[in-house]
Amino acid sequence: MGDYGSAVDWENEWQEIYALRNKLGKYEDNEWRSVETDGDPRYENVYEVTVNDKTTNHRYVTQDTYNPKDIFGFSINKNKGLCVVAWRYLPEPYEGI
């Protein structure tokens, strides 16, 4: 198990709490959105999606492009038997060395 930033010497306990709250908020802001309950995204972009394969009844995660002007929305939906059931924004790329 890692220390997840707890090895940092914070100015005070409140600064540590604020940092933790902000870090957790990033994850909460990018939770899965159900197509059935929340609808499709509003903007054309690449999203991380959960796909339901109706032929095997299995789900998997991949990336797909959403186009609000296309009748299918997500391009995966054009494939018979495949359907996007949830989506979320892509995570931010790693910026380290």
Protein backbone atom coordinates (compact mmCIF):
# COMPACT_ATOMS: atom_id res chain seq x y z
CA MET A 1 0.00 0.00 0.00
CA GLY A 2 1.29 3.44 -0.88
CA ASP A 3 1.15 6.55 1.22
CA TYR A 4 -0.88 8.39 -1.46
CA GLY A 5 0.67 11.73 -0.64
CA SER A 6 0.57 11.42 3.12
CA ALA A 7 4.38 11.61 3.23
CA VAL A 8 4.10 15.29 2.26
CA ASP A 9 4.76 17.78 5.05
CA TRP A 10 1.65 19.93 4.91
CA GLU A 11 1.58 23.45 6.33
CA ASN A 12 -1.28 22.37 8.59
CA GLU A 13 -3.99 19.73 8.85
CA TRP A 14 -6.48 21.86 6.90
CA GLN A 15 -4.17 22.11 3.89
CA GLU A 16 -3.93 18.31 3.84
CA ILE A 17 -7.73 17.97 4.05
CA TYR A 18 -8.21 20.47 1.19
CA ALA A 19 -5.69 18.62 -0.98
CA LEU A 20 -7.44 15.32 -0.32
CA ARG A 21 -10.85 16.83 -1.08
CA ASN A 22 -9.60 18.24 -4.39
CA LYS A 23 -8.00 14.94 -5.41
CA LEU A 24 -11.16 12.96 -4.62
CA GLY A 25 -13.26 15.53 -6.46
CA LYS A 26 -11.37 14.81 -9.69
CA TYR A 27 -12.50 11.19 -9.49
CA GLU A 28 -16.07 12.06 -8.55
CA ASP A 29 -16.32 14.47 -11.48
CA ASN A 30 -15.42 11.66 -13.87
CA GLU A 31 -17.75 8.90 -12.72
CA TRP A 32 -19.58 6.72 -15.24
CA ARG A 33 -22.74 8.18 -16.75
CA SER A 34 -25.45 5.77 -17.80
CA VAL A 35 -26.77 6.37 -21.32
CA GLU A 36 -30.18 5.15 -20.16
CA THR A 37 -30.52 7.54 -17.21
CA ASP A 38 -28.13 10.40 -18.05
CA GLY A 39 -28.26 10.37 -21.84
CA ASP A 40 -25.42 10.82 -24.30
CA PRO A 41 -22.67 13.45 -24.02
CA ARG A 42 -23.44 16.89 -25.39
CA TYR A 43 -20.26 17.41 -27.40
CA GLU A 44 -18.32 15.59 -30.08
CA ASN A 45 -15.25 14.06 -28.49
CA VAL A 46 -13.53 10.80 -27.63
CA TYR A 47 -14.85 9.18 -24.44
CA GLU A 48 -14.16 6.08 -22.40
CA VAL A 49 -17.20 3.83 -22.85
CA THR A 50 -18.66 0.63 -21.46
CA VAL A 51 -19.94 -1.50 -24.32
CA ASN A 52 -22.50 -4.27 -24.00
CA ASP A 53 -22.03 -7.12 -26.48
CA LYS A 54 -25.56 -8.45 -26.92
CA THR A 55 -24.37 -11.67 -28.59
CA THR A 56 -22.29 -12.74 -25.56
CA ASN A 57 -23.95 -10.51 -22.93
CA HIS A 58 -20.50 -9.39 -21.78
CA ARG A 59 -19.37 -5.83 -21.14
CA TYR A 60 -15.99 -4.28 -21.82
CA VAL A 61 -14.36 -0.84 -21.64
CA THR A 62 -12.83 0.93 -24.62
CA GLN A 63 -12.62 4.40 -26.18
CA ASP A 64 -15.00 5.68 -28.81
CA THR A 65 -15.89 8.87 -30.63
CA TYR A 66 -19.25 10.49 -30.01
CA ASN A 67 -20.84 12.64 -32.72
CA PRO A 68 -24.11 14.36 -31.72
CA LYS A 69 -25.00 14.87 -35.40
CA ASP A 70 -24.81 11.13 -36.17
CA ILE A 71 -28.00 9.11 -35.65
CA PHE A 72 -25.96 6.40 -33.87
CA GLY A 73 -24.14 8.84 -31.55
CA PHE A 74 -21.20 6.63 -30.61
CA SER A 75 -19.57 4.96 -33.61
CA ILE A 76 -19.62 1.56 -31.83
CA ASN A 77 -23.42 1.64 -31.95
CA LYS A 78 -23.18 1.13 -35.74
CA ASN A 79 -22.02 -2.45 -35.12
CA LYS A 80 -24.90 -4.87 -34.85
CA GLY A 81 -25.00 -6.44 -31.39
CA LEU A 82 -22.83 -3.77 -29.73
CA CYS A 83 -24.22 -0.91 -27.68
CA VAL A 84 -22.63 1.79 -25.53
CA VAL A 85 -24.34 1.65 -22.13
CA ALA A 86 -22.19 4.16 -20.19
CA TRP A 87 -19.57 6.81 -20.84
CA ARG A 88 -17.13 9.10 -19.04
CA TYR A 89 -14.44 11.63 -19.92
CA LEU A 90 -10.97 10.34 -20.69
CA PRO A 91 -8.49 10.65 -17.82
CA GLU A 92 -5.84 13.33 -18.05
CA PRO A 93 -2.55 12.16 -19.58
CA TYR A 94 0.44 11.56 -17.33
CA GLU A 95 2.61 14.67 -17.19
CA GLY A 96 5.63 13.26 -15.36
CA ILE A 97 9.02 12.32 -16.72
